[in-house]
Amino acid sequence: MIHVQGHSRGAVLPIRVHAGGSHNRVVGVHDGMLRVSVTAAPEKGKANKAVVDLLSQVFCVPKSSVQLIAGATSPRKRFLFLDLEPAELQNRCTRLVESN
């Protein structure tokens, strides 16, 4: 289960990122975090931008609604989804993981 947290501006999703992968995709769940892989290299914010692009696509939200709030230089990151209730983000995560 993914540990989605509430935030005054929306919901926070913990992510484990594998940068430099072969595809941009959701890999699964590990240790309470959504695992994703992106092809971008972990340099100068390229991988972080690729993760924002991937998350906005798979969760059907605008890129401007997804903000990195922790872990800019770490594989463990936290993304804020603006104006999205934690329960709704949790449901979307569950559906996403079950469909993969």
PDB file of N, CA and C in Angstrom:
ATOM      1  N   MET A   1       0.834  -1.180   0.000  1.00  0.00           N
ATOM      2  CA  MET A   1       0.000   0.000   0.000  1.00  0.00           C
ATOM      3  C   MET A   1       0.882   1.248   0.000  1.00  0.00           C
ATOM      4  N   ILE A   2       0.492   2.225  -0.774  1.00  0.00           N
ATOM      5  CA  ILE A   2       1.233   3.477  -0.881  1.00  0.00           C
ATOM      6  C   ILE A   2       0.755   4.425   0.215  1.00  0.00           C
ATOM      7  N   HIS A   3       1.693   5.100   0.860  1.00  0.00           N
ATOM      8  CA  HIS A   3       1.389   5.979   1.986  1.00  0.00           C
ATOM      9  C   HIS A   3       1.150   7.415   1.519  1.00  0.00           C
ATOM     10  N   VAL A   4      -0.022   7.668   0.954  1.00  0.00           N
ATOM     11  CA  VAL A   4      -0.407   9.016   0.537  1.00  0.00           C
ATOM     12  C   VAL A   4      -0.704   9.830   1.797  1.00  0.00           C
ATOM     13  N   GLN A   5      -0.237  11.071   1.825  1.00  0.00           N
ATOM     14  CA  GLN A   5      -0.451  11.944   2.980  1.00  0.00           C
ATOM     15  C   GLN A   5      -1.236  13.183   2.574  1.00  0.00           C
ATOM     16  N   GLY A   6      -1.998  13.692   3.515  1.00  0.00           N
ATOM     17  CA  GLY A   6      -2.711  14.939   3.293  1.00  0.00           C
ATOM     18  C   GLY A   6      -1.777  16.125   3.406  1.00  0.00           C
ATOM     19  N   HIS A   7      -2.143  17.200   2.766  1.00  0.00           N
ATOM     20  CA  HIS A   7      -1.376  18.440   2.773  1.00  0.00           C
ATOM     21  C   HIS A   7      -2.394  19.566   2.674  1.00  0.00           C
ATOM     22  N   SER A   8      -2.074  20.718   3.187  1.00  0.00           N
ATOM     23  CA  SER A   8      -3.025  21.837   3.152  1.00  0.00           C
ATOM     24  C   SER A   8      -3.395  22.252   1.728  1.00  0.00           C
ATOM     25  N   ARG A   9      -2.566  21.911   0.764  1.00  0.00           N
ATOM     26  CA  ARG A   9      -2.821  22.285  -0.627  1.00  0.00           C
ATOM     27  C   ARG A   9      -3.196  21.101  -1.524  1.00  0.00           C
ATOM     28  N   GLY A  10      -3.300  19.883  -0.943  1.00  0.00           N
ATOM     29  CA  GLY A  10      -3.644  18.719  -1.759  1.00  0.00           C
ATOM     30  C   GLY A  10      -3.231  17.416  -1.101  1.00  0.00           C
ATOM     31  N   ALA A  11      -2.496  16.595  -1.850  1.00  0.00           N
ATOM     32  CA  ALA A  11      -2.065  15.289  -1.356  1.00  0.00           C
ATOM     33  C   ALA A  11      -0.608  15.059  -1.753  1.00  0.00           C
ATOM     34  N   VAL A  12       0.134  14.360  -0.887  1.00  0.00           N
ATOM     35  CA  VAL A  12       1.551  14.101  -1.113  1.00  0.00           C
ATOM     36  C   VAL A  12       1.752  12.609  -1.385  1.00  0.00           C
ATOM     37  N   LEU A  13       2.466  12.332  -2.476  1.00  0.00           N
ATOM     38  CA  LEU A  13       2.739  10.964  -2.895  1.00  0.00           C
ATOM     39  C   LEU A  13       4.234  10.691  -2.809  1.00  0.00           C
ATOM     40  N   PRO A  14       4.648   9.675  -2.045  1.00  0.00           N
ATOM     41  CA  PRO A  14       6.059   9.305  -2.009  1.00  0.00           C
ATOM     42  C   PRO A  14       6.410   8.459  -3.233  1.00  0.00           C
ATOM     43  N   ILE A  15       7.547   8.749  -3.841  1.00  0.00           N
ATOM     44  CA  ILE A  15       7.974   8.094  -5.071  1.00  0.00           C
ATOM     45  C   ILE A  15       9.401   7.582  -4.911  1.00  0.00           C
ATOM     46  N   ARG A  16       9.664   6.427  -5.464  1.00  0.00           N
ATOM     47  CA  ARG A  16      11.029   5.894  -5.578  1.00  0.00           C
ATOM     48  C   ARG A  16      11.352   5.894  -7.068  1.00  0.00           C
ATOM     49  N   VAL A  17      12.362   6.642  -7.478  1.00  0.00           N
ATOM     50  CA  VAL A  17      12.661   6.843  -8.892  1.00  0.00           C
ATOM     51  C   VAL A  17      13.919   6.087  -9.308  1.00  0.00           C
ATOM     52  N   HIS A  18      13.822   5.420 -10.454  1.00  0.00           N
ATOM     53  CA  HIS A  18      14.992   4.841 -11.106  1.00  0.00           C
ATOM     54  C   HIS A  18      15.237   5.670 -12.361  1.00  0.00           C
ATOM     55  N   ALA A  19      16.258   6.523 -12.316  1.00  0.00           N
ATOM     56  CA  ALA A  19      16.585   7.369 -13.469  1.00  0.00           C
ATOM     57  C   ALA A  19      17.517   6.602 -14.404  1.00  0.00           C
ATOM     58  N   GLY A  20      17.446   6.935 -15.683  1.00  0.00           N
ATOM     59  CA  GLY A  20      18.293   6.265 -16.669  1.00  0.00           C
ATOM     60  C   GLY A  20      17.772   4.892 -17.057  1.00  0.00           C
ATOM     61  N   GLY A  21      16.484   4.648 -16.863  1.00  0.00           N
ATOM     62  CA  GLY A  21      15.879   3.363 -17.208  1.00  0.00           C
ATOM     63  C   GLY A  21      15.627   3.243 -18.702  1.00  0.00           C
ATOM     64  N   SER A  22      15.047   2.135 -19.104  1.00  0.00           N
ATOM     65  CA  SER A  22      14.793   1.892 -20.524  1.00  0.00           C
ATOM     66  C   SER A  22      13.459   2.464 -20.994  1.00  0.00           C
ATOM     67  N   HIS A  23      12.529   2.724 -20.067  1.00  0.00           N
ATOM     68  CA  HIS A  23      11.214   3.268 -20.401  1.00  0.00           C
ATOM     69  C   HIS A  23      10.749   4.218 -19.303  1.00  0.00           C
ATOM     70  N   ASN A  24       9.849   5.119 -19.671  1.00  0.00           N
ATOM     71  CA  ASN A  24       9.149   5.930 -18.673  1.00  0.00           C
ATOM     72  C   ASN A  24       7.902   5.157 -18.290  1.00  0.00           C
ATOM     73  N   ARG A  25       7.860   4.666 -17.057  1.00  0.00           N
ATOM     74  CA  ARG A  25       6.718   3.841 -16.653  1.00  0.00           C
ATOM     75  C   ARG A  25       6.636   3.701 -15.140  1.00  0.00           C
ATOM     76  N   VAL A  26       5.446   3.303 -14.707  1.00  0.00           N
ATOM     77  CA  VAL A  26       5.241   2.950 -13.313  1.00  0.00           C
ATOM     78  C   VAL A  26       5.649   1.497 -13.158  1.00  0.00           C
ATOM     79  N   VAL A  27       6.514   1.214 -12.203  1.00  0.00           N
ATOM     80  CA  VAL A  27       7.045  -0.126 -12.007  1.00  0.00           C
ATOM     81  C   VAL A  27       6.215  -0.915 -11.001  1.00  0.00           C
ATOM     82  N   GLY A  28       5.745  -0.249  -9.948  1.00  0.00           N
ATOM     83  CA  GLY A  28       4.978  -0.931  -8.914  1.00  0.00           C
ATOM     84  C   GLY A  28       5.049  -0.180  -7.599  1.00  0.00           C
ATOM     85  N   VAL A  29       4.990  -0.924  -6.518  1.00  0.00           N
ATOM     86  CA  VAL A  29       5.017  -0.355  -5.170  1.00  0.00           C
ATOM     87  C   VAL A  29       6.131  -1.034  -4.385  1.00  0.00           C
ATOM     88  N   HIS A  30       6.864  -0.252  -3.615  1.00  0.00           N
ATOM     89  CA  HIS A  30       7.900  -0.800  -2.742  1.00  0.00           C
ATOM     90  C   HIS A  30       8.029   0.073  -1.510  1.00  0.00           C
ATOM     91  N   ASP A  31       7.923  -0.537  -0.354  1.00  0.00           N
ATOM     92  CA  ASP A  31       8.152   0.165   0.907  1.00  0.00           C
ATOM     93  C   ASP A  31       7.238   1.379   1.077  1.00  0.00           C
ATOM     94  N   GLY A  32       5.988   1.256   0.642  1.00  0.00           N
ATOM     95  CA  GLY A  32       5.029   2.335   0.799  1.00  0.00           C
ATOM     96  C   GLY A  32       5.154   3.459  -0.208  1.00  0.00           C
ATOM     97  N   MET A  33       6.007   3.267  -1.230  1.00  0.00           N
ATOM     98  CA  MET A  33       6.218   4.285  -2.251  1.00  0.00           C
ATOM     99  C   MET A  33       5.870   3.736  -3.628  1.00  0.00           C
ATOM    100  N   LEU A  34       5.399   4.618  -4.497  1.00  0.00           N
ATOM    101  CA  LEU A  34       5.180   4.254  -5.886  1.00  0.00           C
ATOM    102  C   LEU A  34       6.541   4.226  -6.559  1.00  0.00           C
ATOM    103  N   ARG A  35       6.851   3.137  -7.260  1.00  0.00           N
ATOM    104  CA  ARG A  35       8.133   3.027  -7.956  1.00  0.00           C
ATOM    105  C   ARG A  35       7.942   3.373  -9.423  1.00  0.00           C
ATOM    106  N   VAL A  36       8.782   4.288  -9.920  1.00  0.00           N
ATOM    107  CA  VAL A  36       8.727   4.673 -11.320  1.00  0.00           C
ATOM    108  C   VAL A  36      10.120   4.612 -11.924  1.00  0.00           C
ATOM    109  N   SER A  37      10.151   4.449 -13.231  1.00  0.00           N
ATOM    110  CA  SER A  37      11.396   4.437 -13.981  1.00  0.00           C
ATOM    111  C   SER A  37      11.273   5.475 -15.085  1.00  0.00           C
ATOM    112  N   VAL A  38      12.309   6.285 -15.268  1.00  0.00           N
ATOM    113  CA  VAL A  38      12.335   7.274 -16.350  1.00  0.00           C
ATOM    114  C   VAL A  38      13.643   7.145 -17.114  1.00  0.00           C
ATOM    115  N   THR A  39      13.601   7.502 -18.386  1.00  0.00           N
ATOM    116  CA  THR A  39      14.793   7.377 -19.228  1.00  0.00           C
ATOM    117  C   THR A  39      15.778   8.520 -19.020  1.00  0.00           C
ATOM    118  N   ALA A  40      15.310   9.630 -18.501  1.00  0.00           N
ATOM    119  CA  ALA A  40      16.175  10.803 -18.310  1.00  0.00           C
ATOM    120  C   ALA A  40      17.267  10.524 -17.293  1.00  0.00           C
ATOM    121  N   ALA A  41      18.403  11.165 -17.515  1.00  0.00           N
ATOM    122  CA  ALA A  41      19.536  11.033 -16.593  1.00  0.00           C
ATOM    123  C   ALA A  41      19.289  11.873 -15.338  1.00  0.00           C
ATOM    124  N   PRO A  42      19.859  11.436 -14.217  1.00  0.00           N
ATOM    125  CA  PRO A  42      19.691  12.192 -12.967  1.00  0.00           C
ATOM    126  C   PRO A  42      20.658  13.372 -12.873  1.00  0.00           C
ATOM    127  N   GLU A  43      20.533  14.289 -13.809  1.00  0.00           N
ATOM    128  CA  GLU A  43      21.418  15.459 -13.818  1.00  0.00           C
ATOM    129  C   GLU A  43      20.636  16.714 -14.176  1.00  0.00           C
ATOM    130  N   LYS A  44      20.934  17.790 -13.478  1.00  0.00           N
ATOM    131  CA  LYS A  44      20.337  19.098 -13.747  1.00  0.00           C
ATOM    132  C   LYS A  44      18.815  19.072 -13.775  1.00  0.00           C
ATOM    133  N   GLY A  45      18.187  18.202 -12.972  1.00  0.00           N
ATOM    134  CA  GLY A  45      16.736  18.177 -12.856  1.00  0.00           C
ATOM    135  C   GLY A  45      15.997  17.476 -13.983  1.00  0.00           C
ATOM    136  N   LYS A  46      16.736  16.858 -14.910  1.00  0.00           N
ATOM    137  CA  LYS A  46      16.092  16.193 -16.049  1.00  0.00           C
ATOM    138  C   LYS A  46      15.195  15.041 -15.607  1.00  0.00           C
ATOM    139  N   ALA A  47      15.673  14.230 -14.688  1.00  0.00           N
ATOM    140  CA  ALA A  47      14.867  13.093 -14.217  1.00  0.00           C
ATOM    141  C   ALA A  47      13.645  13.589 -13.454  1.00  0.00           C
ATOM    142  N   ASN A  48      13.793  14.624 -12.655  1.00  0.00           N
ATOM    143  CA  ASN A  48      12.656  15.175 -11.915  1.00  0.00           C
ATOM    144  C   ASN A  48      11.575  15.681 -12.868  1.00  0.00           C
ATOM    145  N   LYS A  49      11.986  16.347 -13.930  1.00  0.00           N
ATOM    146  CA  LYS A  49      11.024  16.834 -14.929  1.00  0.00           C
ATOM    147  C   LYS A  49      10.332  15.650 -15.608  1.00  0.00           C
ATOM    148  N   ALA A  50      11.087  14.609 -15.907  1.00  0.00           N
ATOM    149  CA  ALA A  50      10.500  13.423 -16.540  1.00  0.00           C
ATOM    150  C   ALA A  50       9.490  12.747 -15.616  1.00  0.00           C
ATOM    151  N   VAL A  51       9.769  12.747 -14.314  1.00  0.00           N
ATOM    152  CA  VAL A  51       8.834  12.161 -13.351  1.00  0.00           C
ATOM    153  C   VAL A  51       7.547  12.987 -13.297  1.00  0.00           C
ATOM    154  N   VAL A  52       7.669  14.297 -13.290  1.00  0.00           N
ATOM    155  CA  VAL A  52       6.481  15.167 -13.300  1.00  0.00           C
ATOM    156  C   VAL A  52       5.652  14.880 -14.554  1.00  0.00           C
ATOM    157  N   ASP A  53       6.310  14.782 -15.699  1.00  0.00           N
ATOM    158  CA  ASP A  53       5.605  14.474 -16.956  1.00  0.00           C
ATOM    159  C   ASP A  53       4.877  13.141 -16.859  1.00  0.00           C
ATOM    160  N   LEU A  54       5.558  12.119 -16.341  1.00  0.00           N
ATOM    161  CA  LEU A  54       4.958  10.782 -16.212  1.00  0.00           C
ATOM    162  C   LEU A  54       3.782  10.798 -15.242  1.00  0.00           C
ATOM    163  N   LEU A  55       3.957  11.416 -14.077  1.00  0.00           N
ATOM    164  CA  LEU A  55       2.890  11.450 -13.080  1.00  0.00           C
ATOM    165  C   LEU A  55       1.666  12.196 -13.593  1.00  0.00           C
ATOM    166  N   SER A  56       1.882  13.315 -14.278  1.00  0.00           N
ATOM    167  CA  SER A  56       0.735  14.061 -14.800  1.00  0.00           C
ATOM    168  C   SER A  56      -0.010  13.236 -15.840  1.00  0.00           C
ATOM    169  N   GLN A  57       0.720  12.456 -16.616  1.00  0.00           N
ATOM    170  CA  GLN A  57       0.092  11.610 -17.633  1.00  0.00           C
ATOM    171  C   GLN A  57      -0.698  10.462 -17.009  1.00  0.00           C
ATOM    172  N   VAL A  58      -0.086   9.710 -16.100  1.00  0.00           N
ATOM    173  CA  VAL A  58      -0.758   8.519 -15.565  1.00  0.00           C
ATOM    174  C   VAL A  58      -1.888   8.859 -14.604  1.00  0.00           C
ATOM    175  N   PHE A  59      -1.826  10.032 -13.954  1.00  0.00           N
ATOM    176  CA  PHE A  59      -2.892  10.423 -13.036  1.00  0.00           C
ATOM    177  C   PHE A  59      -3.874  11.421 -13.659  1.00  0.00           C
ATOM    178  N   CYS A  60      -3.669  11.740 -14.942  1.00  0.00           N
ATOM    179  CA  CYS A  60      -4.583  12.625 -15.687  1.00  0.00           C
ATOM    180  C   CYS A  60      -4.789  13.973 -14.991  1.00  0.00           C
ATOM    181  N   VAL A  61      -3.681  14.602 -14.646  1.00  0.00           N
ATOM    182  CA  VAL A  61      -3.718  15.938 -14.053  1.00  0.00           C
ATOM    183  C   VAL A  61      -2.752  16.827 -14.822  1.00  0.00           C
ATOM    184  N   PRO A  62      -2.947  18.144 -14.794  1.00  0.00           N
ATOM    185  CA  PRO A  62      -2.001  19.040 -15.470  1.00  0.00           C
ATOM    186  C   PRO A  62      -0.621  18.984 -14.810  1.00  0.00           C
ATOM    187  N   LYS A  63       0.413  19.172 -15.615  1.00  0.00           N
ATOM    188  CA  LYS A  63       1.779  19.189 -15.070  1.00  0.00           C
ATOM    189  C   LYS A  63       1.931  20.238 -13.978  1.00  0.00           C
ATOM    190  N   SER A  64       1.218  21.337 -14.118  1.00  0.00           N
ATOM    191  CA  SER A  64       1.314  22.410 -13.125  1.00  0.00           C
ATOM    192  C   SER A  64       0.739  22.003 -11.772  1.00  0.00           C
ATOM    193  N   SER A  65      -0.005  20.908 -11.727  1.00  0.00           N
ATOM    194  CA  SER A  65      -0.591  20.421 -10.474  1.00  0.00           C
ATOM    195  C   SER A  65       0.326  19.466  -9.719  1.00  0.00           C
ATOM    196  N   VAL A  66       1.470  19.122 -10.314  1.00  0.00           N
ATOM    197  CA  VAL A  66       2.406  18.177  -9.699  1.00  0.00           C
ATOM    198  C   VAL A  66       3.688  18.924  -9.354  1.00  0.00           C
ATOM    199  N   GLN A  67       4.016  18.977  -8.060  1.00  0.00           N
ATOM    200  CA  GLN A  67       5.196  19.713  -7.612  1.00  0.00           C
ATOM    201  C   GLN A  67       6.090  18.826  -6.748  1.00  0.00           C
ATOM    202  N   LEU A  68       7.372  18.852  -7.041  1.00  0.00           N
ATOM    203  CA  LEU A  68       8.358  18.165  -6.214  1.00  0.00           C
ATOM    204  C   LEU A  68       8.560  18.984  -4.948  1.00  0.00           C
ATOM    205  N   ILE A  69       8.323  18.360  -3.780  1.00  0.00           N
ATOM    206  CA  ILE A  69       8.476  19.110  -2.523  1.00  0.00           C
ATOM    207  C   ILE A  69       9.614  18.580  -1.649  1.00  0.00           C
ATOM    208  N   ALA A  70      10.158  17.398  -1.986  1.00  0.00           N
ATOM    209  CA  ALA A  70      11.284  16.862  -1.217  1.00  0.00           C
ATOM    210  C   ALA A  70      12.022  15.829  -2.046  1.00  0.00           C
ATOM    211  N   GLY A  71      13.347  15.796  -1.894  1.00  0.00           N
ATOM    212  CA  GLY A  71      14.145  14.760  -2.533  1.00  0.00           C
ATOM    213  C   GLY A  71      14.671  15.107  -3.909  1.00  0.00           C
ATOM    214  N   ALA A  72      14.937  16.373  -4.171  1.00  0.00           N
ATOM    215  CA  ALA A  72      15.374  16.795  -5.501  1.00  0.00           C
ATOM    216  C   ALA A  72      16.594  16.029  -6.000  1.00  0.00           C
ATOM    217  N   THR A  73      17.506  15.652  -5.116  1.00  0.00           N
ATOM    218  CA  THR A  73      18.723  14.953  -5.538  1.00  0.00           C
ATOM    219  C   THR A  73      18.766  13.505  -5.058  1.00  0.00           C
ATOM    220  N   SER A  74      17.654  13.000  -4.601  1.00  0.00           N
ATOM    221  CA  SER A  74      17.573  11.647  -4.049  1.00  0.00           C
ATOM    222  C   SER A  74      16.633  10.795  -4.894  1.00  0.00           C
ATOM    223  N   PRO A  75      16.817   9.479  -4.889  1.00  0.00           N
ATOM    224  CA  PRO A  75      15.843   8.629  -5.570  1.00  0.00           C
ATOM    225  C   PRO A  75      14.505   8.575  -4.831  1.00  0.00           C
ATOM    226  N   ARG A  76      14.504   8.929  -3.557  1.00  0.00           N
ATOM    227  CA  ARG A  76      13.268   8.978  -2.765  1.00  0.00           C
ATOM    228  C   ARG A  76      12.750  10.410  -2.787  1.00  0.00           C
ATOM    229  N   LYS A  77      11.578  10.580  -3.376  1.00  0.00           N
ATOM    230  CA  LYS A  77      11.024  11.914  -3.562  1.00  0.00           C
ATOM    231  C   LYS A  77       9.606  11.981  -3.036  1.00  0.00           C
ATOM    232  N   ARG A  78       9.145  13.205  -2.833  1.00  0.00           N
ATOM    233  CA  ARG A  78       7.748  13.436  -2.428  1.00  0.00           C
ATOM    234  C   ARG A  78       7.183  14.485  -3.367  1.00  0.00           C
ATOM    235  N   PHE A  79       6.063  14.132  -3.984  1.00  0.00           N
ATOM    236  CA  PHE A  79       5.400  15.034  -4.915  1.00  0.00           C
ATOM    237  C   PHE A  79       4.055  15.454  -4.365  1.00  0.00           C
ATOM    238  N   LEU A  80       3.789  16.755  -4.464  1.00  0.00           N
ATOM    239  CA  LEU A  80       2.508  17.324  -4.052  1.00  0.00           C
ATOM    240  C   LEU A  80       1.600  17.409  -5.273  1.00  0.00           C
ATOM    241  N   PHE A  81       0.397  16.857  -5.135  1.00  0.00           N
ATOM    242  CA  PHE A  81      -0.636  16.976  -6.155  1.00  0.00           C
ATOM    243  C   PHE A  81      -1.605  18.037  -5.660  1.00  0.00           C
ATOM    244  N   LEU A  82      -1.575  19.187  -6.297  1.00  0.00           N
ATOM    245  CA  LEU A  82      -2.393  20.317  -5.861  1.00  0.00           C
ATOM    246  C   LEU A  82      -3.878  20.039  -6.063  1.00  0.00           C
ATOM    247  N   ASP A  83      -4.668  20.440  -5.078  1.00  0.00           N
ATOM    248  CA  ASP A  83      -6.134  20.369  -5.138  1.00  0.00           C
ATOM    249  C   ASP A  83      -6.674  18.964  -5.380  1.00  0.00           C
ATOM    250  N   LEU A  84      -5.953  17.949  -4.932  1.00  0.00           N
ATOM    251  CA  LEU A  84      -6.413  16.562  -5.040  1.00  0.00           C
ATOM    252  C   LEU A  84      -6.487  15.984  -3.632  1.00  0.00           C
ATOM    253  N   GLU A  85      -7.648  15.448  -3.292  1.00  0.00           N
ATOM    254  CA  GLU A  85      -7.830  14.872  -1.961  1.00  0.00           C
ATOM    255  C   GLU A  85      -6.972  13.611  -1.812  1.00  0.00           C
ATOM    256  N   PRO A  86      -6.418  13.369  -0.614  1.00  0.00           N
ATOM    257  CA  PRO A  86      -5.606  12.170  -0.402  1.00  0.00           C
ATOM    258  C   PRO A  86      -6.340  10.873  -0.753  1.00  0.00           C
ATOM    259  N   ALA A  87      -7.618  10.770  -0.401  1.00  0.00           N
ATOM    260  CA  ALA A  87      -8.379   9.551  -0.700  1.00  0.00           C
ATOM    261  C   ALA A  87      -8.488   9.330  -2.204  1.00  0.00           C
ATOM    262  N   GLU A  88      -8.668  10.407  -2.960  1.00  0.00           N
ATOM    263  CA  GLU A  88      -8.765  10.285  -4.414  1.00  0.00           C
ATOM    264  C   GLU A  88      -7.427   9.862  -5.021  1.00  0.00           C
ATOM    265  N   LEU A  89      -6.333  10.447  -4.539  1.00  0.00           N
ATOM    266  CA  LEU A  89      -5.012  10.055  -5.030  1.00  0.00           C
ATOM    267  C   LEU A  89      -4.723   8.603  -4.669  1.00  0.00           C
ATOM    268  N   GLN A  90      -5.100   8.189  -3.468  1.00  0.00           N
ATOM    269  CA  GLN A  90      -4.918   6.792  -3.050  1.00  0.00           C
ATOM    270  C   GLN A  90      -5.687   5.856  -3.977  1.00  0.00           C
ATOM    271  N   ASN A  91      -6.926   6.205  -4.312  1.00  0.00           N
ATOM    272  CA  ASN A  91      -7.726   5.381  -5.223  1.00  0.00           C
ATOM    273  C   ASN A  91      -7.094   5.302  -6.604  1.00  0.00           C
ATOM    274  N   ARG A  92      -6.596   6.421  -7.102  1.00  0.00           N
ATOM    275  CA  ARG A  92      -5.947   6.421  -8.414  1.00  0.00           C
ATOM    276  C   ARG A  92      -4.685   5.564  -8.404  1.00  0.00           C
ATOM    277  N   CYS A  93      -3.930   5.625  -7.308  1.00  0.00           N
ATOM    278  CA  CYS A  93      -2.728   4.789  -7.179  1.00  0.00           C
ATOM    279  C   CYS A  93      -3.089   3.315  -7.200  1.00  0.00           C
ATOM    280  N   THR A  94      -4.115   2.966  -6.457  1.00  0.00           N
ATOM    281  CA  THR A  94      -4.545   1.567  -6.388  1.00  0.00           C
ATOM    282  C   THR A  94      -4.952   1.065  -7.767  1.00  0.00           C
ATOM    283  N   ARG A  95      -5.768   1.837  -8.474  1.00  0.00           N
ATOM    284  CA  ARG A  95      -6.192   1.442  -9.827  1.00  0.00           C
ATOM    285  C   ARG A  95      -4.997   1.338 -10.774  1.00  0.00           C
ATOM    286  N   LEU A  96      -4.071   2.267 -10.667  1.00  0.00           N
ATOM    287  CA  LEU A  96      -2.900   2.276 -11.528  1.00  0.00           C
ATOM    288  C   LEU A  96      -2.039   1.030 -11.314  1.00  0.00           C
ATOM    289  N   VAL A  97      -1.771   0.714 -10.060  1.00  0.00           N
ATOM    290  CA  VAL A  97      -0.927  -0.428  -9.737  1.00  0.00           C
ATOM    291  C   VAL A  97      -1.616  -1.737 -10.135  1.00  0.00           C
ATOM    292  N   GLU A  98      -2.924  -1.822  -9.909  1.00  0.00           N
ATOM    293  CA  GLU A  98      -3.655  -3.037 -10.263  1.00  0.00           C
ATOM    294  C   GLU A  98      -3.719  -3.258 -11.770  1.00  0.00           C
ATOM    295  N   SER A  99      -3.690  -2.165 -12.541  1.00  0.00           N
ATOM    296  CA  SER A  99      -3.774  -2.300 -14.009  1.00  0.00           C
ATOM    297  C   SER A  99      -2.438  -2.650 -14.632  1.00  0.00           C
ATOM    298  N   ASN A 100      -1.352  -2.497 -13.892  1.00  0.00           N
ATOM    299  CA  ASN A 100       0.000  -2.813 -14.432  1.00  0.00           C
ATOM    300  C   ASN A 100       0.368  -4.244 -14.216  1.00  0.00           C
TER     301      ASN A 100
END
